[in-house]
């Protein structure tokens, strides 16, 4: 028997938040939504298990320092941590 799941499901806090939205009649897939900088990203998955695994992975990546330097490289062309 499957347990009842309340949507939306959130992982992380603040800018590290990844949200899983339930399926709808218009879009019969689970949607993952997260932001990197000011850009919102979305992906869809057929199963909730795959969606949860990917959401945890993305949330962990957003918490790491690698994403900060990646954003700085994209917008400024250099590592922001090198500035004094």
C-alpha atoms as a PDB file:
ATOM      1  CA  UNK A   1       0.000   0.000   0.000  1.00  0.00           C
ATOM      2  CA  UNK A   2       1.402   3.411  -0.879  1.00  0.00           C
ATOM      3  CA  UNK A   3       1.456   6.262   1.580  1.00  0.00           C
ATOM      4  CA  UNK A   4      -0.193   9.599   0.866  1.00  0.00           C
ATOM      5  CA  UNK A   5       2.214  12.323  -0.238  1.00  0.00           C
ATOM      6  CA  UNK A   6       1.441  16.030   0.170  1.00  0.00           C
ATOM      7  CA  UNK A   7       2.620  18.315  -2.623  1.00  0.00           C
ATOM      8  CA  UNK A   8       4.635  20.413  -3.232  1.00  0.00           C
ATOM      9  CA  UNK A   9       7.658  18.642  -1.732  1.00  0.00           C
ATOM     10  CA  UNK A  10      10.591  20.945  -0.906  1.00  0.00           C
ATOM     11  CA  UNK A  11      14.252  20.108  -0.350  1.00  0.00           C
ATOM     12  CA  UNK A  12      16.664  22.710   1.023  1.00  0.00           C
ATOM     13  CA  UNK A  13      16.043  26.296   2.105  1.00  0.00           C
ATOM     14  CA  UNK A  14      16.350  29.713   0.522  1.00  0.00           C
ATOM     15  CA  UNK A  15      18.305  29.734  -2.735  1.00  0.00           C
ATOM     16  CA  UNK A  16      19.131  26.046  -2.283  1.00  0.00           C
ATOM     17  CA  UNK A  17      15.463  25.051  -2.454  1.00  0.00           C
ATOM     18  CA  UNK A  18      14.311  22.455  -4.954  1.00  0.00           C
ATOM     19  CA  UNK A  19      10.551  21.900  -5.273  1.00  0.00           C
ATOM     20  CA  UNK A  20       8.705  18.865  -6.638  1.00  0.00           C
ATOM     21  CA  UNK A  21       5.211  19.505  -8.013  1.00  0.00           C
ATOM     22  CA  UNK A  22       2.530  16.875  -8.532  1.00  0.00           C
ATOM     23  CA  UNK A  23       1.252  15.638 -11.882  1.00  0.00           C
ATOM     24  CA  UNK A  24      -1.661  17.454 -13.534  1.00  0.00           C
ATOM     25  CA  UNK A  25      -4.013  16.540 -16.352  1.00  0.00           C
ATOM     26  CA  UNK A  26      -2.235  18.996 -18.654  1.00  0.00           C
ATOM     27  CA  UNK A  27       1.257  17.719 -17.718  1.00  0.00           C
ATOM     28  CA  UNK A  28       1.194  14.096 -16.478  1.00  0.00           C
ATOM     29  CA  UNK A  29       4.749  14.206 -15.070  1.00  0.00           C
ATOM     30  CA  UNK A  30       6.336  15.213 -11.766  1.00  0.00           C
ATOM     31  CA  UNK A  31       8.014  18.608 -12.161  1.00  0.00           C
ATOM     32  CA  UNK A  32      11.249  19.674 -10.461  1.00  0.00           C
ATOM     33  CA  UNK A  33      11.835  23.406 -10.136  1.00  0.00           C
ATOM     34  CA  UNK A  34      14.919  25.258  -8.840  1.00  0.00           C
ATOM     35  CA  UNK A  35      16.825  28.499  -9.408  1.00  0.00           C
ATOM     36  CA  UNK A  36      20.455  29.069 -10.275  1.00  0.00           C
ATOM     37  CA  UNK A  37      21.141  32.764  -9.957  1.00  0.00           C
ATOM     38  CA  UNK A  38      18.128  34.481 -11.469  1.00  0.00           C
ATOM     39  CA  UNK A  39      17.322  31.683 -13.924  1.00  0.00           C
ATOM     40  CA  UNK A  40      14.573  29.195 -13.091  1.00  0.00           C
ATOM     41  CA  UNK A  41      15.132  25.609 -14.230  1.00  0.00           C
ATOM     42  CA  UNK A  42      12.523  22.873 -14.588  1.00  0.00           C
ATOM     43  CA  UNK A  43      12.704  19.157 -15.389  1.00  0.00           C
ATOM     44  CA  UNK A  44      10.052  16.482 -15.600  1.00  0.00           C
ATOM     45  CA  UNK A  45      10.102  12.863 -14.412  1.00  0.00           C
ATOM     46  CA  UNK A  46       7.689   9.964 -14.839  1.00  0.00           C
ATOM     47  CA  UNK A  47       8.188   8.525 -11.351  1.00  0.00           C
ATOM     48  CA  UNK A  48       8.269  10.199  -7.964  1.00  0.00           C
ATOM     49  CA  UNK A  49      11.283   8.081  -6.973  1.00  0.00           C
ATOM     50  CA  UNK A  50      13.373   9.520  -9.835  1.00  0.00           C
ATOM     51  CA  UNK A  51      12.143  13.039  -9.089  1.00  0.00           C
ATOM     52  CA  UNK A  52      13.122  12.781  -5.404  1.00  0.00           C
ATOM     53  CA  UNK A  53      16.579  11.408  -6.225  1.00  0.00           C
ATOM     54  CA  UNK A  54      17.271  14.211  -8.704  1.00  0.00           C
ATOM     55  CA  UNK A  55      15.908  16.867  -6.317  1.00  0.00           C
ATOM     56  CA  UNK A  56      18.239  15.711  -3.540  1.00  0.00           C
ATOM     57  CA  UNK A  57      21.191  15.724  -5.952  1.00  0.00           C
ATOM     58  CA  UNK A  58      20.454  19.253  -7.197  1.00  0.00           C
ATOM     59  CA  UNK A  59      19.873  20.562  -3.665  1.00  0.00           C
ATOM     60  CA  UNK A  60      23.253  19.214  -2.569  1.00  0.00           C
ATOM     61  CA  UNK A  61      24.922  20.816  -5.590  1.00  0.00           C
ATOM     62  CA  UNK A  62      23.280  24.168  -4.868  1.00  0.00           C
ATOM     63  CA  UNK A  63      24.632  24.048  -1.294  1.00  0.00           C
ATOM     64  CA  UNK A  64      28.211  23.509  -2.499  1.00  0.00           C
ATOM     65  CA  UNK A  65      30.682  26.270  -3.339  1.00  0.00           C
ATOM     66  CA  UNK A  66      31.109  24.957  -6.893  1.00  0.00           C
ATOM     67  CA  UNK A  67      27.847  26.520  -8.017  1.00  0.00           C
ATOM     68  CA  UNK A  68      28.885  29.954  -6.672  1.00  0.00           C
ATOM     69  CA  UNK A  69      32.059  29.986  -8.736  1.00  0.00           C
ATOM     70  CA  UNK A  70      30.137  28.676 -11.765  1.00  0.00           C
ATOM     71  CA  UNK A  71      27.661  31.585 -11.542  1.00  0.00           C
ATOM     72  CA  UNK A  72      30.494  34.072 -11.071  1.00  0.00           C
ATOM     73  CA  UNK A  73      32.320  32.713 -14.111  1.00  0.00           C
ATOM     74  CA  UNK A  74      29.176  32.956 -16.205  1.00  0.00           C
ATOM     75  CA  UNK A  75      28.326  36.560 -15.243  1.00  0.00           C
ATOM     76  CA  UNK A  76      31.717  38.110 -14.494  1.00  0.00           C
ATOM     77  CA  UNK A  77      34.077  35.925 -16.497  1.00  0.00           C
ATOM     78  CA  UNK A  78      36.181  35.116 -13.447  1.00  0.00           C
ATOM     79  CA  UNK A  79      36.007  33.589  -9.977  1.00  0.00           C
ATOM     80  CA  UNK A  80      34.334  35.943  -7.511  1.00  0.00           C
ATOM     81  CA  UNK A  81      36.364  34.492  -4.638  1.00  0.00           C
ATOM     82  CA  UNK A  82      39.579  35.866  -6.232  1.00  0.00           C
ATOM     83  CA  UNK A  83      38.470  39.470  -5.665  1.00  0.00           C
ATOM     84  CA  UNK A  84      40.083  41.180  -2.675  1.00  0.00           C
END
